[in-house]
C-alpha atoms as a PDB file:
ATOM      1  CA  UNK A   1      91.771 114.702 109.184  1.00  0.00           C
ATOM      2  CA  UNK A   2      93.013 113.408 105.590  1.00  0.00           C
ATOM      3  CA  UNK A   3      96.509 114.197 104.763  1.00  0.00           C
ATOM      4  CA  UNK A   4      98.042 114.061 101.479  1.00  0.00           C
ATOM      5  CA  UNK A   5     101.940 114.521 101.142  1.00  0.00           C
ATOM      6  CA  UNK A   6     104.164 114.789  98.378  1.00  0.00           C
ATOM      7  CA  UNK A   7     106.948 113.618 100.916  1.00  0.00           C
ATOM      8  CA  UNK A   8     109.980 111.869  98.739  1.00  0.00           C
ATOM      9  CA  UNK A   9     110.052 108.519 100.891  1.00  0.00           C
ATOM     10  CA  UNK A  10     112.247 105.699  99.887  1.00  0.00           C
ATOM     11  CA  UNK A  11     110.644 103.794  96.201  1.00  0.00           C
ATOM     12  CA  UNK A  12     109.522 101.088  98.499  1.00  0.00           C
ATOM     13  CA  UNK A  13     106.761 103.540 100.374  1.00  0.00           C
ATOM     14  CA  UNK A  14     105.605 104.031  96.677  1.00  0.00           C
ATOM     15  CA  UNK A  15     105.906 101.032  94.532  1.00  0.00           C
ATOM     16  CA  UNK A  16     103.210  99.762  93.359  1.00  0.00           C
ATOM     17  CA  UNK A  17     102.198  96.032  92.460  1.00  0.00           C
ATOM     18  CA  UNK A  18     100.400  95.312  89.411  1.00  0.00           C
ATOM     19  CA  UNK A  19     100.122  91.894  89.231  1.00  0.00           C
ATOM     20  CA  UNK A  20      97.303  89.684  89.376  1.00  0.00           C
ATOM     21  CA  UNK A  21      96.641  86.394  90.427  1.00  0.00           C
ATOM     22  CA  UNK A  22      95.009  84.256  87.464  1.00  0.00           C
ATOM     23  CA  UNK A  23      91.770  82.995  88.833  1.00  0.00           C
ATOM     24  CA  UNK A  24      90.482  79.321  88.787  1.00  0.00           C
ATOM     25  CA  UNK A  25      88.520  79.958  85.527  1.00  0.00           C
ATOM     26  CA  UNK A  26      91.589  80.857  83.625  1.00  0.00           C
ATOM     27  CA  UNK A  27      93.811  77.629  83.336  1.00  0.00           C
ATOM     28  CA  UNK A  28      97.148  77.663  83.070  1.00  0.00           C
ATOM     29  CA  UNK A  29      99.123  76.708  79.769  1.00  0.00           C
ATOM     30  CA  UNK A  30     100.604  73.213  79.750  1.00  0.00           C
ATOM     31  CA  UNK A  31     104.546  73.259  80.584  1.00  0.00           C
ATOM     32  CA  UNK A  32     106.509  73.546  77.222  1.00  0.00           C
ATOM     33  CA  UNK A  33     109.295  74.965  76.066  1.00  0.00           C
ATOM     34  CA  UNK A  34     109.386  77.792  78.680  1.00  0.00           C
ATOM     35  CA  UNK A  35     108.911  75.134  81.493  1.00  0.00           C
ATOM     36  CA  UNK A  36     111.996  76.733  83.141  1.00  0.00           C
ATOM     37  CA  UNK A  37     110.353  79.883  83.911  1.00  0.00           C
ATOM     38  CA  UNK A  38     109.568  81.024  87.351  1.00  0.00           C
ATOM     39  CA  UNK A  39     106.441  79.961  89.298  1.00  0.00           C
ATOM     40  CA  UNK A  40     104.724  81.129  92.446  1.00  0.00           C
ATOM     41  CA  UNK A  41     102.143  80.190  94.009  1.00  0.00           C
ATOM     42  CA  UNK A  42      98.747  81.980  94.356  1.00  0.00           C
ATOM     43  CA  UNK A  43      99.827  83.036  98.099  1.00  0.00           C
ATOM     44  CA  UNK A  44     102.838  84.007  96.846  1.00  0.00           C
ATOM     45  CA  UNK A  45     101.618  85.918  94.194  1.00  0.00           C
ATOM     46  CA  UNK A  46      99.242  88.186  96.778  1.00  0.00           C
ATOM     47  CA  UNK A  47     102.226  88.372  99.202  1.00  0.00           C
ATOM     48  CA  UNK A  48     104.089  90.103  96.293  1.00  0.00           C
ATOM     49  CA  UNK A  49     101.389  92.359  95.769  1.00  0.00           C
ATOM     50  CA  UNK A  50     101.696  93.640  99.352  1.00  0.00           C
ATOM     51  CA  UNK A  51     105.920  93.972  99.446  1.00  0.00           C
ATOM     52  CA  UNK A  52     107.670  96.487  97.585  1.00  0.00           C
ATOM     53  CA  UNK A  53     109.032  94.661  94.685  1.00  0.00           C
ATOM     54  CA  UNK A  54     107.644  94.059  91.747  1.00  0.00           C
ATOM     55  CA  UNK A  55     106.920  90.525  89.941  1.00  0.00           C
ATOM     56  CA  UNK A  56     106.552  91.227  86.093  1.00  0.00           C
ATOM     57  CA  UNK A  57     104.506  88.556  84.621  1.00  0.00           C
ATOM     58  CA  UNK A  58     101.290  86.118  85.213  1.00  0.00           C
ATOM     59  CA  UNK A  59     101.817  83.555  87.453  1.00  0.00           C
ATOM     60  CA  UNK A  60     101.926  80.215  87.008  1.00  0.00           C
ATOM     61  CA  UNK A  61     100.013  77.771  89.610  1.00  0.00           C
ATOM     62  CA  UNK A  62     102.474  75.094  90.896  1.00  0.00           C
ATOM     63  CA  UNK A  63      99.488  72.987  91.082  1.00  0.00           C
ATOM     64  CA  UNK A  64      99.580  72.888  87.533  1.00  0.00           C
ATOM     65  CA  UNK A  65     103.122  71.785  87.169  1.00  0.00           C
ATOM     66  CA  UNK A  66     105.075  68.690  88.404  1.00  0.00           C
ATOM     67  CA  UNK A  67     108.179  70.508  90.053  1.00  0.00           C
ATOM     68  CA  UNK A  68     110.709  69.325  92.716  1.00  0.00           C
ATOM     69  CA  UNK A  69     111.371  71.412  95.659  1.00  0.00           C
ATOM     70  CA  UNK A  70     114.226  73.365  95.788  1.00  0.00           C
ATOM     71  CA  UNK A  71     116.560  74.505  98.810  1.00  0.00           C
ATOM     72  CA  UNK A  72     117.716  78.316  98.402  1.00  0.00           C
ATOM     73  CA  UNK A  73     121.118  77.991  98.875  1.00  0.00           C
ATOM     74  CA  UNK A  74     122.264  79.084 102.585  1.00  0.00           C
ATOM     75  CA  UNK A  75     124.607  81.798 101.627  1.00  0.00           C
ATOM     76  CA  UNK A  76     121.392  83.388  99.569  1.00  0.00           C
ATOM     77  CA  UNK A  77     119.816  83.086 102.374  1.00  0.00           C
ATOM     78  CA  UNK A  78     121.882  84.676 104.530  1.00  0.00           C
ATOM     79  CA  UNK A  79     122.182  87.413 102.129  1.00  0.00           C
ATOM     80  CA  UNK A  80     118.523  88.128 101.862  1.00  0.00           C
ATOM     81  CA  UNK A  81     118.422  88.812 105.871  1.00  0.00           C
ATOM     82  CA  UNK A  82     121.033  91.138 105.714  1.00  0.00           C
ATOM     83  CA  UNK A  83     119.663  93.225 102.392  1.00  0.00           C
ATOM     84  CA  UNK A  84     116.392  92.975 104.443  1.00  0.00           C
ATOM     85  CA  UNK A  85     117.992  94.654 107.341  1.00  0.00           C
ATOM     86  CA  UNK A  86     120.094  97.546 105.770  1.00  0.00           C
ATOM     87  CA  UNK A  87     116.791  98.758 104.301  1.00  0.00           C
ATOM     88  CA  UNK A  88     115.114  98.740 107.525  1.00  0.00           C
ATOM     89  CA  UNK A  89     117.896 100.823 109.108  1.00  0.00           C
ATOM     90  CA  UNK A  90     117.846 103.128 105.937  1.00  0.00           C
ATOM     91  CA  UNK A  91     114.285 103.574 105.759  1.00  0.00           C
ATOM     92  CA  UNK A  92     114.393 104.489 109.812  1.00  0.00           C
ATOM     93  CA  UNK A  93     117.109 107.107 108.889  1.00  0.00           C
ATOM     94  CA  UNK A  94     115.036 108.305 106.374  1.00  0.00           C
ATOM     95  CA  UNK A  95     112.009 108.602 108.869  1.00  0.00           C
ATOM     96  CA  UNK A  96     113.962 110.574 111.379  1.00  0.00           C
ATOM     97  CA  UNK A  97     115.002 113.040 108.812  1.00  0.00           C
ATOM     98  CA  UNK A  98     111.805 113.770 107.064  1.00  0.00           C
ATOM     99  CA  UNK A  99     110.620 114.204 110.767  1.00  0.00           C
ATOM    100  CA  UNK A 100     113.132 116.673 111.419  1.00  0.00           C
ATOM    101  CA  UNK A 101     112.891 118.382 108.511  1.00  0.00           C
ATOM    102  CA  UNK A 102     109.505 118.376 108.172  1.00  0.00           C
ATOM    103  CA  UNK A 103     107.895 120.652 105.343  1.00  0.00           C
ATOM    104  CA  UNK A 104     106.520 124.531 105.970  1.00  0.00           C
ATOM    105  CA  UNK A 105     102.707 125.052 105.397  1.00  0.00           C
ATOM    106  CA  UNK A 106     102.497 127.932 102.631  1.00  0.00           C
ATOM    107  CA  UNK A 107      98.819 128.149 102.526  1.00  0.00           C
ATOM    108  CA  UNK A 108      95.693 127.631 103.794  1.00  0.00           C
ATOM    109  CA  UNK A 109      92.329 127.423 102.582  1.00  0.00           C
ATOM    110  CA  UNK A 110      89.130 128.608 104.725  1.00  0.00           C
ATOM    111  CA  UNK A 111      85.506 128.441 103.952  1.00  0.00           C
ATOM    112  CA  UNK A 112      83.316 130.742 105.807  1.00  0.00           C
ATOM    113  CA  UNK A 113      86.014 131.781 108.141  1.00  0.00           C
ATOM    114  CA  UNK A 114      86.675 128.276 109.324  1.00  0.00           C
ATOM    115  CA  UNK A 115      90.288 126.066 108.075  1.00  0.00           C
ATOM    116  CA  UNK A 116      89.651 123.641 105.971  1.00  0.00           C
ATOM    117  CA  UNK A 117      92.816 122.765 103.971  1.00  0.00           C
ATOM    118  CA  UNK A 118      97.154 123.410 104.353  1.00  0.00           C
ATOM    119  CA  UNK A 119      99.242 122.903 101.720  1.00  0.00           C
ATOM    120  CA  UNK A 120     103.286 122.669 102.485  1.00  0.00           C
ATOM    121  CA  UNK A 121     106.197 123.830 100.866  1.00  0.00           C
ATOM    122  CA  UNK A 122     106.383 120.458  98.650  1.00  0.00           C
ATOM    123  CA  UNK A 123     102.748 120.502  97.350  1.00  0.00           C
ATOM    124  CA  UNK A 124     101.640 118.108 100.044  1.00  0.00           C
ATOM    125  CA  UNK A 125      97.832 118.789 101.232  1.00  0.00           C
ATOM    126  CA  UNK A 126      95.627 117.941 104.438  1.00  0.00           C
ATOM    127  CA  UNK A 127      91.989 118.274 105.239  1.00  0.00           C
ATOM    128  CA  UNK A 128      90.572 118.721 108.653  1.00  0.00           C
ATOM    129  CA  UNK A 129      87.448 117.568 108.678  1.00  0.00           C
ATOM    130  CA  UNK A 130      87.343 115.529 106.052  1.00  0.00           C
ATOM    131  CA  UNK A 131      88.099 115.751 102.372  1.00  0.00           C
ATOM    132  CA  UNK A 132      86.488 116.540  98.876  1.00  0.00           C
ATOM    133  CA  UNK A 133      86.775 114.381  95.756  1.00  0.00           C
ATOM    134  CA  UNK A 134      87.908 115.036  92.139  1.00  0.00           C
ATOM    135  CA  UNK A 135      91.456 116.115  93.047  1.00  0.00           C
ATOM    136  CA  UNK A 136      94.360 115.615  90.474  1.00  0.00           C
ATOM    137  CA  UNK A 137      96.614 112.701  91.204  1.00  0.00           C
ATOM    138  CA  UNK A 138      99.574 114.421  89.580  1.00  0.00           C
ATOM    139  CA  UNK A 139     102.188 116.080  91.557  1.00  0.00           C
ATOM    140  CA  UNK A 140     101.557 120.009  91.659  1.00  0.00           C
ATOM    141  CA  UNK A 141     103.118 122.720  93.090  1.00  0.00           C
ATOM    142  CA  UNK A 142     101.663 124.394  96.171  1.00  0.00           C
ATOM    143  CA  UNK A 143     100.152 127.552  94.479  1.00  0.00           C
ATOM    144  CA  UNK A 144      98.452 125.008  91.717  1.00  0.00           C
ATOM    145  CA  UNK A 145      97.334 123.052  94.076  1.00  0.00           C
ATOM    146  CA  UNK A 146      95.465 125.737  96.642  1.00  0.00           C
ATOM    147  CA  UNK A 147      94.011 126.922  93.640  1.00  0.00           C
ATOM    148  CA  UNK A 148      92.545 123.626  92.404  1.00  0.00           C
ATOM    149  CA  UNK A 149      91.253 123.049  96.330  1.00  0.00           C
ATOM    150  CA  UNK A 150      89.698 126.807  95.985  1.00  0.00           C
ATOM    151  CA  UNK A 151      87.936 126.072  92.991  1.00  0.00           C
ATOM    152  CA  UNK A 152      86.639 122.396  94.292  1.00  0.00           C
ATOM    153  CA  UNK A 153      85.193 124.158  97.757  1.00  0.00           C
ATOM    154  CA  UNK A 154      83.754 127.116  96.046  1.00  0.00           C
ATOM    155  CA  UNK A 155      80.260 125.799  96.049  1.00  0.00           C
ATOM    156  CA  UNK A 156      80.435 125.256  99.989  1.00  0.00           C
ATOM    157  CA  UNK A 157      80.408 128.720 101.087  1.00  0.00           C
ATOM    158  CA  UNK A 158      83.086 131.755 101.593  1.00  0.00           C
ATOM    159  CA  UNK A 159      86.400 130.152  99.661  1.00  0.00           C
ATOM    160  CA  UNK A 160      89.604 132.314 101.390  1.00  0.00           C
ATOM    161  CA  UNK A 161      92.795 131.439 100.326  1.00  0.00           C
ATOM    162  CA  UNK A 162      95.853 132.311 103.075  1.00  0.00           C
ATOM    163  CA  UNK A 163      99.318 132.788 102.186  1.00  0.00           C
ATOM    164  CA  UNK A 164     100.204 134.410 105.661  1.00  0.00           C
ATOM    165  CA  UNK A 165      98.723 134.826 108.822  1.00  0.00           C
ATOM    166  CA  UNK A 166      98.103 131.314 108.946  1.00  0.00           C
ATOM    167  CA  UNK A 167      95.544 129.993 111.786  1.00  0.00           C
ATOM    168  CA  UNK A 168      96.934 126.810 113.563  1.00  0.00           C
ATOM    169  CA  UNK A 169      96.635 124.047 111.482  1.00  0.00           C
ATOM    170  CA  UNK A 170      98.094 120.191 110.752  1.00  0.00           C
ATOM    171  CA  UNK A 171     101.911 122.466 110.742  1.00  0.00           C
ATOM    172  CA  UNK A 172     104.177 120.428 108.739  1.00  0.00           C
ATOM    173  CA  UNK A 173     103.047 116.524 108.644  1.00  0.00           C
ATOM    174  CA  UNK A 174     105.752 115.096 106.002  1.00  0.00           C
ATOM    175  CA  UNK A 175     109.193 116.112 104.770  1.00  0.00           C
ATOM    176  CA  UNK A 176     111.657 114.940 102.902  1.00  0.00           C
ATOM    177  CA  UNK A 177     113.495 111.346 102.889  1.00  0.00           C
ATOM    178  CA  UNK A 178     116.904 111.187 103.700  1.00  0.00           C
ATOM    179  CA  UNK A 179     119.800 112.595 100.895  1.00  0.00           C
ATOM    180  CA  UNK A 180     121.957 109.413  99.914  1.00  0.00           C
ATOM    181  CA  UNK A 181     125.103 110.888 101.214  1.00  0.00           C
ATOM    182  CA  UNK A 182     123.236 110.312 104.922  1.00  0.00           C
ATOM    183  CA  UNK A 183     122.387 106.705 104.635  1.00  0.00           C
ATOM    184  CA  UNK A 184     124.478 103.768 105.207  1.00  0.00           C
ATOM    185  CA  UNK A 185     125.887 101.976 102.063  1.00  0.00           C
ATOM    186  CA  UNK A 186     124.414  98.617 101.352  1.00  0.00           C
ATOM    187  CA  UNK A 187     126.449  95.789 101.739  1.00  0.00           C
ATOM    188  CA  UNK A 188     124.146  93.483 100.271  1.00  0.00           C
ATOM    189  CA  UNK A 189     122.831  93.034  96.416  1.00  0.00           C
ATOM    190  CA  UNK A 190     119.518  94.151  95.649  1.00  0.00           C
ATOM    191  CA  UNK A 191     116.911  91.415  96.157  1.00  0.00           C
ATOM    192  CA  UNK A 192     115.812  90.737  92.568  1.00  0.00           C
ATOM    193  CA  UNK A 193     119.981  90.046  91.989  1.00  0.00           C
ATOM    194  CA  UNK A 194     119.537  87.189  94.874  1.00  0.00           C
ATOM    195  CA  UNK A 195     116.473  86.039  93.400  1.00  0.00           C
ATOM    196  CA  UNK A 196     118.132  85.699  90.169  1.00  0.00           C
ATOM    197  CA  UNK A 197     121.233  83.513  91.574  1.00  0.00           C
ATOM    198  CA  UNK A 198     119.005  81.344  93.159  1.00  0.00           C
ATOM    199  CA  UNK A 199     117.107  80.546  89.968  1.00  0.00           C
ATOM    200  CA  UNK A 200     119.809  80.449  87.896  1.00  0.00           C
ATOM    201  CA  UNK A 201     121.160  77.533  90.781  1.00  0.00           C
ATOM    202  CA  UNK A 202     117.527  75.947  90.907  1.00  0.00           C
ATOM    203  CA  UNK A 203     117.620  75.617  86.822  1.00  0.00           C
ATOM    204  CA  UNK A 204     120.738  73.998  86.687  1.00  0.00           C
ATOM    205  CA  UNK A 205     120.220  71.756  89.595  1.00  0.00           C
ATOM    206  CA  UNK A 206     117.132  70.359  87.562  1.00  0.00           C
ATOM    207  CA  UNK A 207     118.863  69.609  84.340  1.00  0.00           C
ATOM    208  CA  UNK A 208     119.737  66.070  83.741  1.00  0.00           C
ATOM    209  CA  UNK A 209     122.834  64.630  84.792  1.00  0.00           C
ATOM    210  CA  UNK A 210     124.512  62.834  81.703  1.00  0.00           C
END
């Protein structure tokens, strides 16, 4: 069973990271006037690629720079933990809301009388048994998605598109994210803002004292 959902999940669920760590064959530039730019290790770059937060720009390996250790202020560490907890709570509420308000099936596709795919009211779709390739990655309305899947299956047998009298299928497997009015407000700043303050503090600390 393969499912593609049009569910509107929290941004973190969908945010992609295009960060590509440098390879060993790509030397880092020598520190110059831009040496105060934020630098991360290859391990940190990998973690950033797996996180919901985007890191802009190419990373510079710490091994290529002469840097001293900087400890993030305890107040910022605590604020970071608060933000992470608040995001987890909001994500849990949104998941529960989606489960309780699952999208209804609005169309099914049968091949030779056998159910192959369901499409829900948000345009999400699922295949029973296996999927097919070549479908659009764009968000399509339910009818357009049904027609696209039907065209893709036209050489596999007798294709039937149903808009009523549905067979037992996948049912609603996804739902909308909870509206903002149902979510607790953030008390901590965005993680990027917290990091920005930490970076500014590190730069000030690194400046030579006169």
